[in-house]
Amino acid sequence: MRKLADYGRDDHPAEDPERAQLAWTVALLDDCDECDGLRVELTVEEVGSPGAGLVAHLAPATARRLRAALARALREMGEAEDG
């Protein structure tokens, strides 16, 4: 089973010759034979190159750590957290 949670693109201008615009997806995954239990699947790939990206299978503790890191970065920018 793979259940999509959300997807999107980064906010970098597509016409920048030095940095590719990226797409991301976050899903719940339970069909990873090597993984022990459910995972949060994070995929990042260049826009226009589906299937050529990097995929991370995050255990719940690792997904929470990533969430906390994003929240810290937002606070450093002066942005309030949602929710």
Protein backbone atom coordinates (compact mmCIF):
# COMPACT_ATOMS: atom_id res chain seq x y z
CA MET A 1 0.00 0.00 0.00
CA ARG A 2 1.16 3.50 -0.82
CA LYS A 3 -1.04 6.41 0.24
CA LEU A 4 -0.16 9.90 -0.99
CA ALA A 5 -0.11 12.58 1.72
CA ASP A 6 0.91 15.61 -0.36
CA TYR A 7 3.02 16.75 -3.28
CA GLY A 8 4.38 19.97 -4.69
CA ARG A 9 7.24 21.85 -6.27
CA ASP A 10 9.92 23.97 -4.74
CA ASP A 11 9.62 27.73 -5.10
CA HIS A 12 12.84 28.29 -7.02
CA PRO A 13 12.42 29.95 -10.44
CA ALA A 14 12.29 27.36 -13.20
CA GLU A 15 14.46 29.48 -15.50
CA ASP A 16 17.52 29.52 -13.17
CA PRO A 17 20.36 27.88 -15.14
CA GLU A 18 22.29 26.98 -11.97
CA ARG A 19 19.59 25.16 -9.98
CA ALA A 20 16.97 22.72 -11.16
CA GLN A 21 13.38 23.13 -10.02
CA LEU A 22 12.40 20.17 -7.88
CA ALA A 23 9.18 18.30 -7.20
CA TRP A 24 8.48 16.43 -3.96
CA THR A 25 5.96 13.87 -2.73
CA VAL A 26 5.22 12.54 0.73
CA ALA A 27 3.40 9.23 1.12
CA LEU A 28 2.72 6.49 3.64
CA LEU A 29 4.32 3.21 2.62
CA ASP A 30 3.88 -0.32 3.94
CA ASP A 31 5.33 -2.44 1.13
CA CYS A 32 9.06 -2.06 1.81
CA ASP A 33 10.24 -5.60 2.52
CA GLU A 34 13.52 -4.40 4.01
CA CYS A 35 11.83 -1.85 6.29
CA ASP A 36 10.43 -2.77 9.69
CA GLY A 37 6.88 -1.43 9.71
CA LEU A 38 5.26 1.61 8.13
CA ARG A 39 7.43 4.33 6.62
CA VAL A 40 6.98 7.88 5.47
CA GLU A 41 8.24 7.95 1.89
CA LEU A 42 9.81 11.23 0.76
CA THR A 43 10.62 11.55 -2.94
CA VAL A 44 12.52 14.48 -4.45
CA GLU A 45 13.14 14.72 -8.19
CA GLU A 46 13.81 17.26 -10.89
CA VAL A 47 10.64 18.65 -12.47
CA GLY A 48 10.18 16.92 -15.82
CA SER A 49 12.18 13.83 -14.82
CA PRO A 50 9.64 11.53 -13.12
CA GLY A 51 11.12 8.32 -11.77
CA ALA A 52 14.66 9.70 -11.67
CA GLY A 53 14.59 11.13 -8.16
CA LEU A 54 15.76 10.09 -4.73
CA VAL A 55 13.45 8.23 -2.34
CA ALA A 56 13.83 8.17 1.44
CA HIS A 57 11.96 5.68 3.64
CA LEU A 58 11.67 7.41 7.02
CA ALA A 59 10.77 5.65 10.25
CA PRO A 60 8.33 7.63 12.42
CA ALA A 61 11.13 8.98 14.63
CA THR A 62 13.13 10.15 11.59
CA ALA A 63 10.05 11.78 10.03
CA ARG A 64 9.44 13.65 13.30
CA ARG A 65 13.08 14.79 13.31
CA LEU A 66 12.69 16.14 9.75
CA ARG A 67 9.45 17.87 10.75
CA ALA A 68 11.23 19.49 13.72
CA ALA A 69 14.11 20.64 11.50
CA LEU A 70 11.69 22.29 9.08
CA ALA A 71 9.90 23.97 12.00
CA ARG A 72 13.23 25.30 13.34
CA ALA A 73 14.15 26.69 9.93
CA LEU A 74 10.77 28.43 9.69
CA ARG A 75 11.20 29.94 13.15
CA GLU A 76 14.66 31.20 12.16
CA MET A 77 13.00 32.94 9.19
CA GLY A 78 10.49 34.56 11.52
CA GLU A 79 7.61 32.48 10.19
CA ALA A 80 4.94 31.25 12.58
CA GLU A 81 4.12 27.55 12.53
CA ASP A 82 0.80 26.40 11.10
CA GLY A 83 -1.70 24.61 13.29
